Amino acid sequence: MIYYVYDGTFEGFLSAVTELFRSEREGSVCKEEDIRPLIPHIEAEVIEGITEKFGEYLSRHFGRAMPETIYYAFLSELPGIEEAIIGYIRLARKIRKDPIDMLNVECVRRVAEAYKRIGREKHRYMGLLRFRKLDLAEDAGRGEIFYAEFEPQTDCLSLLADHFSDRFENVPFMIADRRRNKCLLHLTGNDWMIREFDPDIFNGNSTETLYEKLWQRYFKCMAIPERINPKLQSSNMPKKYWKYLVEEPG
């Protein structure tokens, strides 16, 4: 059995899967950091335009929903999700349709669960991200930018880009994924980019302190002591989301 090693990106993964299918050999794919010594492997180079090409192939043969399903599942970062996706694609090629409803098949069930998992987290963060206006450091160009940070369980940063770019079309903002040390940067219009996060671009000053205190006071005054239900609150908003909330739940 041979492994096709990829660089950890979705483009690299699709390139490795493409090489695997073309070889018609028994094998799998693996991230560079996960490959073990002495294991037979081939380093898969990223194929230019592979995301569009692979997506068009899947859409044409198995339906328009399949490319998104695979992308979401990959971003879930669940253990062994690469194997599940490969099995999912192989099954689709065998039966010549999207097998998403065949939940009795393990690889399909795992892909479907991964898709739902990241979809739920994406939806929650659309309402839970809190932005602050921060001053940029001199070497970063000065000025101000709206900044939010979070530590998602899944790699859902890119899935939030279009939502917030449309919502804040003419507002520069940055969303930092502190778990993966990368950020979504938006300047104007609908253009955005994913880049490595550098906390030194801020000078540490925030113009939002007064508004944050007002919001905390409003949040506290609106609470009805007799109706406080910590168990229900944790169910609707798990504690893992509390760290970066201005209103300090609980």
C-alpha atoms as a PDB file:
ATOM      1  CA  MET A   1       0.000   0.000   0.000  1.00  0.00           C
ATOM      2  CA  ILE A   2       1.332   3.411  -0.966  1.00  0.00           C
ATOM      3  CA  TYR A   3       0.447   6.831   0.414  1.00  0.00           C
ATOM      4  CA  TYR A   4       0.146  10.025  -1.590  1.00  0.00           C
ATOM      5  CA  VAL A   5       1.349  12.783   0.694  1.00  0.00           C
ATOM      6  CA  TYR A   6      -0.191  16.254   0.479  1.00  0.00           C
ATOM      7  CA  ASP A   7       0.592  19.617   2.074  1.00  0.00           C
ATOM      8  CA  GLY A   8      -2.495  19.857   4.304  1.00  0.00           C
ATOM      9  CA  THR A   9      -4.504  22.159   2.035  1.00  0.00           C
ATOM     10  CA  PHE A  10      -7.746  21.232   0.297  1.00  0.00           C
ATOM     11  CA  GLU A  11      -6.059  21.765  -3.085  1.00  0.00           C
ATOM     12  CA  GLY A  12      -3.256  19.454  -2.028  1.00  0.00           C
ATOM     13  CA  PHE A  13      -5.750  16.842  -0.865  1.00  0.00           C
ATOM     14  CA  LEU A  14      -7.644  16.882  -4.172  1.00  0.00           C
ATOM     15  CA  SER A  15      -4.346  16.658  -6.059  1.00  0.00           C
ATOM     16  CA  ALA A  16      -3.314  13.622  -4.013  1.00  0.00           C
ATOM     17  CA  VAL A  17      -6.713  11.977  -4.551  1.00  0.00           C
ATOM     18  CA  THR A  18      -6.414  12.637  -8.295  1.00  0.00           C
ATOM     19  CA  GLU A  19      -2.974  10.992  -8.415  1.00  0.00           C
ATOM     20  CA  LEU A  20      -4.293   8.042  -6.409  1.00  0.00           C
ATOM     21  CA  PHE A  21      -7.219   7.453  -8.762  1.00  0.00           C
ATOM     22  CA  ARG A  22      -5.049   7.855 -11.848  1.00  0.00           C
ATOM     23  CA  SER A  23      -2.561   5.261 -10.606  1.00  0.00           C
ATOM     24  CA  GLU A  24      -5.309   2.668 -10.022  1.00  0.00           C
ATOM     25  CA  ARG A  25      -3.121   1.284  -7.237  1.00  0.00           C
ATOM     26  CA  GLU A  26      -4.094   0.279  -3.735  1.00  0.00           C
ATOM     27  CA  GLY A  27      -3.307   3.261  -1.571  1.00  0.00           C
ATOM     28  CA  SER A  28      -4.485   6.297   0.340  1.00  0.00           C
ATOM     29  CA  VAL A  29      -3.538   9.906   1.074  1.00  0.00           C
ATOM     30  CA  CYS A  30      -1.815  11.408   4.091  1.00  0.00           C
ATOM     31  CA  LYS A  31      -0.693  14.811   5.343  1.00  0.00           C
ATOM     32  CA  GLU A  32       3.027  15.521   5.338  1.00  0.00           C
ATOM     33  CA  GLU A  33       3.211  15.746   9.122  1.00  0.00           C
ATOM     34  CA  ASP A  34       1.378  12.427   9.577  1.00  0.00           C
ATOM     35  CA  ILE A  35       3.474  10.209   7.340  1.00  0.00           C
ATOM     36  CA  ARG A  36       5.544   7.699   9.313  1.00  0.00           C
ATOM     37  CA  PRO A  37       9.167   6.771   8.536  1.00  0.00           C
ATOM     38  CA  LEU A  38       9.798   3.903   6.103  1.00  0.00           C
ATOM     39  CA  ILE A  39       6.185   3.976   4.852  1.00  0.00           C
ATOM     40  CA  PRO A  40       6.122   3.907   1.011  1.00  0.00           C
ATOM     41  CA  HIS A  41       4.842   7.260  -0.178  1.00  0.00           C
ATOM     42  CA  ILE A  42       4.815   9.728  -3.046  1.00  0.00           C
ATOM     43  CA  GLU A  43       4.686  13.484  -2.573  1.00  0.00           C
ATOM     44  CA  ALA A  44       1.741  14.784  -4.582  1.00  0.00           C
ATOM     45  CA  GLU A  45       2.289  18.169  -6.190  1.00  0.00           C
ATOM     46  CA  VAL A  46      -0.608  20.605  -6.221  1.00  0.00           C
ATOM     47  CA  ILE A  47      -2.298  20.566  -9.620  1.00  0.00           C
ATOM     48  CA  GLU A  48      -3.098  24.033 -10.920  1.00  0.00           C
ATOM     49  CA  GLY A  49      -6.837  24.743 -10.897  1.00  0.00           C
ATOM     50  CA  ILE A  50      -7.579  21.370  -9.273  1.00  0.00           C
ATOM     51  CA  THR A  51     -10.420  22.695  -7.092  1.00  0.00           C
ATOM     52  CA  GLU A  52     -12.401  23.945 -10.083  1.00  0.00           C
ATOM     53  CA  LYS A  53     -11.592  20.908 -12.223  1.00  0.00           C
ATOM     54  CA  PHE A  54     -12.457  18.394  -9.505  1.00  0.00           C
ATOM     55  CA  GLY A  55     -15.608  20.310  -8.604  1.00  0.00           C
ATOM     56  CA  GLU A  56     -16.781  20.370 -12.218  1.00  0.00           C
ATOM     57  CA  TYR A  57     -16.144  16.618 -12.520  1.00  0.00           C
ATOM     58  CA  LEU A  58     -18.160  15.840  -9.388  1.00  0.00           C
ATOM     59  CA  SER A  59     -21.001  18.194 -10.338  1.00  0.00           C
ATOM     60  CA  ARG A  60     -21.264  16.829 -13.858  1.00  0.00           C
ATOM     61  CA  HIS A  61     -21.348  13.166 -12.852  1.00  0.00           C
ATOM     62  CA  PHE A  62     -22.844  13.108  -9.353  1.00  0.00           C
ATOM     63  CA  GLY A  63     -24.773  16.341  -8.777  1.00  0.00           C
ATOM     64  CA  ARG A  64     -24.046  19.914  -7.763  1.00  0.00           C
ATOM     65  CA  ALA A  65     -24.209  19.259  -4.019  1.00  0.00           C
ATOM     66  CA  MET A  66     -21.313  16.788  -3.899  1.00  0.00           C
ATOM     67  CA  PRO A  67     -18.375  19.267  -4.208  1.00  0.00           C
ATOM     68  CA  GLU A  68     -19.654  21.294  -1.250  1.00  0.00           C
ATOM     69  CA  THR A  69     -20.258  18.138   0.782  1.00  0.00           C
ATOM     70  CA  ILE A  70     -16.661  17.029   0.274  1.00  0.00           C
ATOM     71  CA  TYR A  71     -15.235  20.494   0.998  1.00  0.00           C
ATOM     72  CA  TYR A  72     -17.193  20.845   4.230  1.00  0.00           C
ATOM     73  CA  ALA A  73     -16.254  17.324   5.319  1.00  0.00           C
ATOM     74  CA  PHE A  74     -12.571  18.027   4.714  1.00  0.00           C
ATOM     75  CA  LEU A  75     -12.699  21.231   6.775  1.00  0.00           C
ATOM     76  CA  SER A  76     -14.238  19.333   9.693  1.00  0.00           C
ATOM     77  CA  GLU A  77     -10.745  17.965  10.473  1.00  0.00           C
ATOM     78  CA  LEU A  78     -12.245  14.833  12.023  1.00  0.00           C
ATOM     79  CA  PRO A  79      -9.778  11.943  12.443  1.00  0.00           C
ATOM     80  CA  GLY A  80      -9.694   9.733   9.361  1.00  0.00           C
ATOM     81  CA  ILE A  81     -11.937  12.032   7.310  1.00  0.00           C
ATOM     82  CA  GLU A  82      -9.610  11.759   4.285  1.00  0.00           C
ATOM     83  CA  GLU A  83     -10.208   7.992   4.115  1.00  0.00           C
ATOM     84  CA  ALA A  84     -13.947   8.534   4.468  1.00  0.00           C
ATOM     85  CA  ILE A  85     -14.006  11.078   1.622  1.00  0.00           C
ATOM     86  CA  ILE A  86     -12.026   8.777  -0.653  1.00  0.00           C
ATOM     87  CA  GLY A  87     -14.429   5.924   0.077  1.00  0.00           C
ATOM     88  CA  TYR A  88     -17.347   8.277  -0.523  1.00  0.00           C
ATOM     89  CA  ILE A  89     -16.016   9.298  -3.946  1.00  0.00           C
ATOM     90  CA  ARG A  90     -15.217   5.708  -4.906  1.00  0.00           C
ATOM     91  CA  LEU A  91     -18.752   4.648  -4.043  1.00  0.00           C
ATOM     92  CA  ALA A  92     -20.163   7.508  -6.125  1.00  0.00           C
ATOM     93  CA  ARG A  93     -18.087   6.390  -9.101  1.00  0.00           C
ATOM     94  CA  LYS A  94     -19.284   2.837  -8.625  1.00  0.00           C
ATOM     95  CA  ILE A  95     -23.030   3.549  -8.421  1.00  0.00           C
ATOM     96  CA  ARG A  96     -22.815   6.633 -10.675  1.00  0.00           C
ATOM     97  CA  LYS A  97     -24.661   8.973  -8.335  1.00  0.00           C
ATOM     98  CA  ASP A  98     -24.178  10.867  -5.089  1.00  0.00           C
ATOM     99  CA  PRO A  99     -24.487   8.264  -2.285  1.00  0.00           C
ATOM    100  CA  ILE A 100     -25.208  10.822   0.447  1.00  0.00           C
ATOM    101  CA  ASP A 101     -28.439   9.035   1.461  1.00  0.00           C
ATOM    102  CA  MET A 102     -26.712   5.669   1.951  1.00  0.00           C
ATOM    103  CA  LEU A 103     -26.054   6.252   5.648  1.00  0.00           C
ATOM    104  CA  ASN A 104     -25.725   2.529   6.300  1.00  0.00           C
ATOM    105  CA  VAL A 105     -22.319   2.738   4.593  1.00  0.00           C
ATOM    106  CA  GLU A 106     -19.682   3.867   7.102  1.00  0.00           C
ATOM    107  CA  CYS A 107     -17.755   6.244   4.840  1.00  0.00           C
ATOM    108  CA  VAL A 108     -20.980   7.961   3.764  1.00  0.00           C
ATOM    109  CA  ARG A 109     -22.186   8.262   7.341  1.00  0.00           C
ATOM    110  CA  ARG A 110     -18.891   9.800   8.450  1.00  0.00           C
ATOM    111  CA  VAL A 111     -18.910  12.317   5.585  1.00  0.00           C
ATOM    112  CA  ALA A 112     -22.525  13.255   6.317  1.00  0.00           C
ATOM    113  CA  GLU A 113     -21.766  13.714  10.024  1.00  0.00           C
ATOM    114  CA  ALA A 114     -18.712  15.865   9.225  1.00  0.00           C
ATOM    115  CA  TYR A 115     -20.788  17.999   6.842  1.00  0.00           C
ATOM    116  CA  LYS A 116     -23.442  18.614   9.478  1.00  0.00           C
ATOM    117  CA  ARG A 117     -20.856  19.285  12.192  1.00  0.00           C
ATOM    118  CA  ILE A 118     -19.105  22.100  10.369  1.00  0.00           C
ATOM    119  CA  GLY A 119     -22.403  23.469   9.066  1.00  0.00           C
ATOM    120  CA  ARG A 120     -23.683  23.858  12.633  1.00  0.00           C
ATOM    121  CA  GLU A 121     -20.500  25.584  13.782  1.00  0.00           C
ATOM    122  CA  LYS A 122     -20.507  27.926  10.791  1.00  0.00           C
ATOM    123  CA  HIS A 123     -24.106  28.912  11.500  1.00  0.00           C
ATOM    124  CA  ARG A 124     -23.410  29.565  15.188  1.00  0.00           C
ATOM    125  CA  TYR A 125     -20.400  31.764  14.563  1.00  0.00           C
ATOM    126  CA  MET A 126     -22.373  33.906  12.135  1.00  0.00           C
ATOM    127  CA  GLY A 127     -24.217  35.156  15.206  1.00  0.00           C
ATOM    128  CA  LEU A 128     -21.583  34.754  17.913  1.00  0.00           C
ATOM    129  CA  LEU A 129     -18.571  36.608  16.531  1.00  0.00           C
ATOM    130  CA  ARG A 130     -17.987  39.925  18.303  1.00  0.00           C
ATOM    131  CA  PHE A 131     -16.068  42.692  16.524  1.00  0.00           C
ATOM    132  CA  ARG A 132     -14.002  45.443  18.145  1.00  0.00           C
ATOM    133  CA  LYS A 133     -12.493  48.482  16.453  1.00  0.00           C
ATOM    134  CA  LEU A 134      -8.707  48.383  16.919  1.00  0.00           C
ATOM    135  CA  ASP A 135      -5.922  50.747  15.912  1.00  0.00           C
ATOM    136  CA  LEU A 136      -3.300  49.371  13.549  1.00  0.00           C
ATOM    137  CA  ALA A 137       0.399  49.684  14.308  1.00  0.00           C
ATOM    138  CA  GLU A 138       2.454  52.173  12.307  1.00  0.00           C
ATOM    139  CA  ASP A 139       4.275  49.529  10.271  1.00  0.00           C
ATOM    140  CA  ALA A 140       0.874  47.999   9.353  1.00  0.00           C
ATOM    141  CA  GLY A 141      -0.337  51.201   7.728  1.00  0.00           C
ATOM    142  CA  ARG A 142      -2.056  52.835  10.689  1.00  0.00           C
ATOM    143  CA  GLY A 143      -5.811  53.425  10.590  1.00  0.00           C
ATOM    144  CA  GLU A 144      -8.529  51.307  12.201  1.00  0.00           C
ATOM    145  CA  ILE A 145      -9.960  47.880  11.536  1.00  0.00           C
ATOM    146  CA  PHE A 146     -12.775  45.818  13.028  1.00  0.00           C
ATOM    147  CA  TYR A 147     -11.390  42.684  14.618  1.00  0.00           C
ATOM    148  CA  ALA A 148     -12.919  39.441  15.884  1.00  0.00           C
ATOM    149  CA  GLU A 149     -11.272  36.271  17.126  1.00  0.00           C
ATOM    150  CA  PHE A 150     -12.378  32.736  17.869  1.00  0.00           C
ATOM    151  CA  GLU A 151     -11.141  29.168  18.310  1.00  0.00           C
ATOM    152  CA  PRO A 152     -13.457  26.947  16.251  1.00  0.00           C
ATOM    153  CA  GLN A 153     -13.374  23.161  16.500  1.00  0.00           C
ATOM    154  CA  THR A 154     -13.519  22.959  12.691  1.00  0.00           C
ATOM    155  CA  ASP A 155     -11.640  24.910  10.038  1.00  0.00           C
ATOM    156  CA  CYS A 156     -14.698  27.020   9.190  1.00  0.00           C
ATOM    157  CA  LEU A 157     -12.939  30.390   8.723  1.00  0.00           C
ATOM    158  CA  SER A 158     -13.260  30.468   4.922  1.00  0.00           C
ATOM    159  CA  LEU A 159     -16.955  29.533   5.172  1.00  0.00           C
ATOM    160  CA  LEU A 160     -17.653  32.772   7.068  1.00  0.00           C
ATOM    161  CA  ALA A 161     -15.972  34.973   4.473  1.00  0.00           C
ATOM    162  CA  ASP A 162     -18.852  35.604   2.072  1.00  0.00           C
ATOM    163  CA  HIS A 163     -21.372  36.195   4.876  1.00  0.00           C
ATOM    164  CA  PHE A 164     -19.366  38.901   6.624  1.00  0.00           C
ATOM    165  CA  SER A 165     -18.009  40.394   3.381  1.00  0.00           C
ATOM    166  CA  ASP A 166     -21.572  40.943   2.174  1.00  0.00           C
ATOM    167  CA  ARG A 167     -22.654  42.245   5.570  1.00  0.00           C
ATOM    168  CA  PHE A 168     -19.708  44.649   5.949  1.00  0.00           C
ATOM    169  CA  GLU A 169     -19.019  45.354   2.296  1.00  0.00           C
ATOM    170  CA  ASN A 170     -17.304  48.715   2.810  1.00  0.00           C
ATOM    171  CA  VAL A 171     -15.842  48.023   6.245  1.00  0.00           C
ATOM    172  CA  PRO A 172     -12.302  46.667   6.714  1.00  0.00           C
ATOM    173  CA  PHE A 173     -12.283  43.758   9.135  1.00  0.00           C
ATOM    174  CA  MET A 174     -10.230  40.796  10.265  1.00  0.00           C
ATOM    175  CA  ILE A 175     -11.358  37.495  11.789  1.00  0.00           C
ATOM    176  CA  ALA A 176      -8.579  35.542  13.495  1.00  0.00           C
ATOM    177  CA  ASP A 177      -8.663  31.789  14.042  1.00  0.00           C
ATOM    178  CA  ARG A 178      -6.391  31.601  17.086  1.00  0.00           C
ATOM    179  CA  ARG A 179      -6.408  27.801  17.127  1.00  0.00           C
ATOM    180  CA  ARG A 180      -4.856  27.577  13.648  1.00  0.00           C
ATOM    181  CA  ASN A 181      -2.991  30.905  13.718  1.00  0.00           C
ATOM    182  CA  LYS A 182      -4.541  32.283  10.548  1.00  0.00           C
ATOM    183  CA  CYS A 183      -6.963  35.073   9.739  1.00  0.00           C
ATOM    184  CA  LEU A 184      -9.541  36.232   7.242  1.00  0.00           C
ATOM    185  CA  LEU A 185      -8.736  39.734   5.999  1.00  0.00           C
ATOM    186  CA  HIS A 186     -11.315  41.904   4.249  1.00  0.00           C
ATOM    187  CA  LEU A 187     -10.642  45.440   3.033  1.00  0.00           C
ATOM    188  CA  THR A 188     -13.385  46.715   0.730  1.00  0.00           C
ATOM    189  CA  GLY A 189     -15.958  45.208  -1.603  1.00  0.00           C
ATOM    190  CA  ASN A 190     -16.372  41.435  -1.599  1.00  0.00           C
ATOM    191  CA  ASP A 191     -12.674  40.615  -1.868  1.00  0.00           C
ATOM    192  CA  TRP A 192     -11.053  38.729   1.001  1.00  0.00           C
ATOM    193  CA  MET A 193      -8.008  36.603   1.682  1.00  0.00           C
ATOM    194  CA  ILE A 194      -6.784  34.013   4.163  1.00  0.00           C
ATOM    195  CA  ARG A 195      -3.315  34.648   5.581  1.00  0.00           C
ATOM    196  CA  GLU A 196      -1.132  33.856   8.581  1.00  0.00           C
ATOM    197  CA  PHE A 197      -2.177  35.819  11.653  1.00  0.00           C
ATOM    198  CA  ASP A 198       0.251  38.360  13.099  1.00  0.00           C
ATOM    199  CA  PRO A 199      -0.954  39.967  16.368  1.00  0.00           C
ATOM    200  CA  ASP A 200       1.765  42.625  16.110  1.00  0.00           C
ATOM    201  CA  ILE A 201      -0.233  44.543  13.480  1.00  0.00           C
ATOM    202  CA  PHE A 202      -2.261  46.109  16.329  1.00  0.00           C
ATOM    203  CA  ASN A 203      -0.943  48.763  18.690  1.00  0.00           C
ATOM    204  CA  GLY A 204      -3.130  47.516  21.547  1.00  0.00           C
ATOM    205  CA  ASN A 205      -5.567  50.433  21.579  1.00  0.00           C
ATOM    206  CA  SER A 206      -9.307  49.905  21.260  1.00  0.00           C
ATOM    207  CA  THR A 207     -11.956  52.589  20.785  1.00  0.00           C
ATOM    208  CA  GLU A 208     -14.692  50.161  21.793  1.00  0.00           C
ATOM    209  CA  THR A 209     -14.199  50.069  25.582  1.00  0.00           C
ATOM    210  CA  LEU A 210     -17.125  52.387  26.358  1.00  0.00           C
ATOM    211  CA  TYR A 211     -19.490  50.514  24.031  1.00  0.00           C
ATOM    212  CA  GLU A 212     -18.420  47.162  25.454  1.00  0.00           C
ATOM    213  CA  LYS A 213     -19.208  48.346  28.994  1.00  0.00           C
ATOM    214  CA  LEU A 214     -22.590  49.700  27.854  1.00  0.00           C
ATOM    215  CA  TRP A 215     -23.422  46.393  26.190  1.00  0.00           C
ATOM    216  CA  GLN A 216     -22.395  44.431  29.301  1.00  0.00           C
ATOM    217  CA  ARG A 217     -24.567  46.690  31.447  1.00  0.00           C
ATOM    218  CA  TYR A 218     -27.516  46.295  29.059  1.00  0.00           C
ATOM    219  CA  PHE A 219     -27.037  42.519  29.023  1.00  0.00           C
ATOM    220  CA  LYS A 220     -27.017  42.420  32.831  1.00  0.00           C
ATOM    221  CA  CYS A 221     -30.037  44.721  33.250  1.00  0.00           C
ATOM    222  CA  MET A 222     -32.128  42.765  30.748  1.00  0.00           C
ATOM    223  CA  ALA A 223     -31.603  39.487  32.587  1.00  0.00           C
ATOM    224  CA  ILE A 224     -34.475  38.352  34.796  1.00  0.00           C
ATOM    225  CA  PRO A 225     -32.928  36.694  37.902  1.00  0.00           C
ATOM    226  CA  GLU A 226     -35.945  34.414  38.446  1.00  0.00           C
ATOM    227  CA  ARG A 227     -35.682  33.043  34.919  1.00  0.00           C
ATOM    228  CA  ILE A 228     -31.935  32.405  34.781  1.00  0.00           C
ATOM    229  CA  ASN A 229     -31.404  28.823  33.616  1.00  0.00           C
ATOM    230  CA  PRO A 230     -27.680  27.947  33.330  1.00  0.00           C
ATOM    231  CA  LYS A 231     -28.388  24.486  31.930  1.00  0.00           C
ATOM    232  CA  LEU A 232     -30.550  25.857  29.113  1.00  0.00           C
ATOM    233  CA  GLN A 233     -28.074  28.661  28.477  1.00  0.00           C
ATOM    234  CA  SER A 234     -25.217  26.188  28.102  1.00  0.00           C
ATOM    235  CA  SER A 235     -27.366  24.076  25.791  1.00  0.00           C
ATOM    236  CA  ASN A 236     -28.122  27.002  23.459  1.00  0.00           C
ATOM    237  CA  MET A 237     -24.668  28.529  23.784  1.00  0.00           C
ATOM    238  CA  PRO A 238     -22.025  26.006  24.964  1.00  0.00           C
ATOM    239  CA  LYS A 239     -19.255  27.346  27.177  1.00  0.00           C
ATOM    240  CA  LYS A 240     -16.645  26.754  24.498  1.00  0.00           C
ATOM    241  CA  TYR A 241     -18.067  29.836  22.727  1.00  0.00           C
ATOM    242  CA  TRP A 242     -17.941  32.133  25.767  1.00  0.00           C
ATOM    243  CA  LYS A 243     -14.275  33.047  25.752  1.00  0.00           C
ATOM    244  CA  TYR A 244     -14.514  35.825  23.169  1.00  0.00           C
ATOM    245  CA  LEU A 245     -18.032  37.118  23.937  1.00  0.00           C
ATOM    246  CA  VAL A 246     -18.271  40.705  25.179  1.00  0.00           C
ATOM    247  CA  GLU A 247     -21.423  40.123  27.254  1.00  0.00           C
ATOM    248  CA  GLU A 248     -19.808  37.565  29.596  1.00  0.00           C
ATOM    249  CA  PRO A 249     -22.522  34.851  29.796  1.00  0.00           C
ATOM    250  CA  GLY A 250     -23.136  33.094  33.077  1.00  0.00           C
END
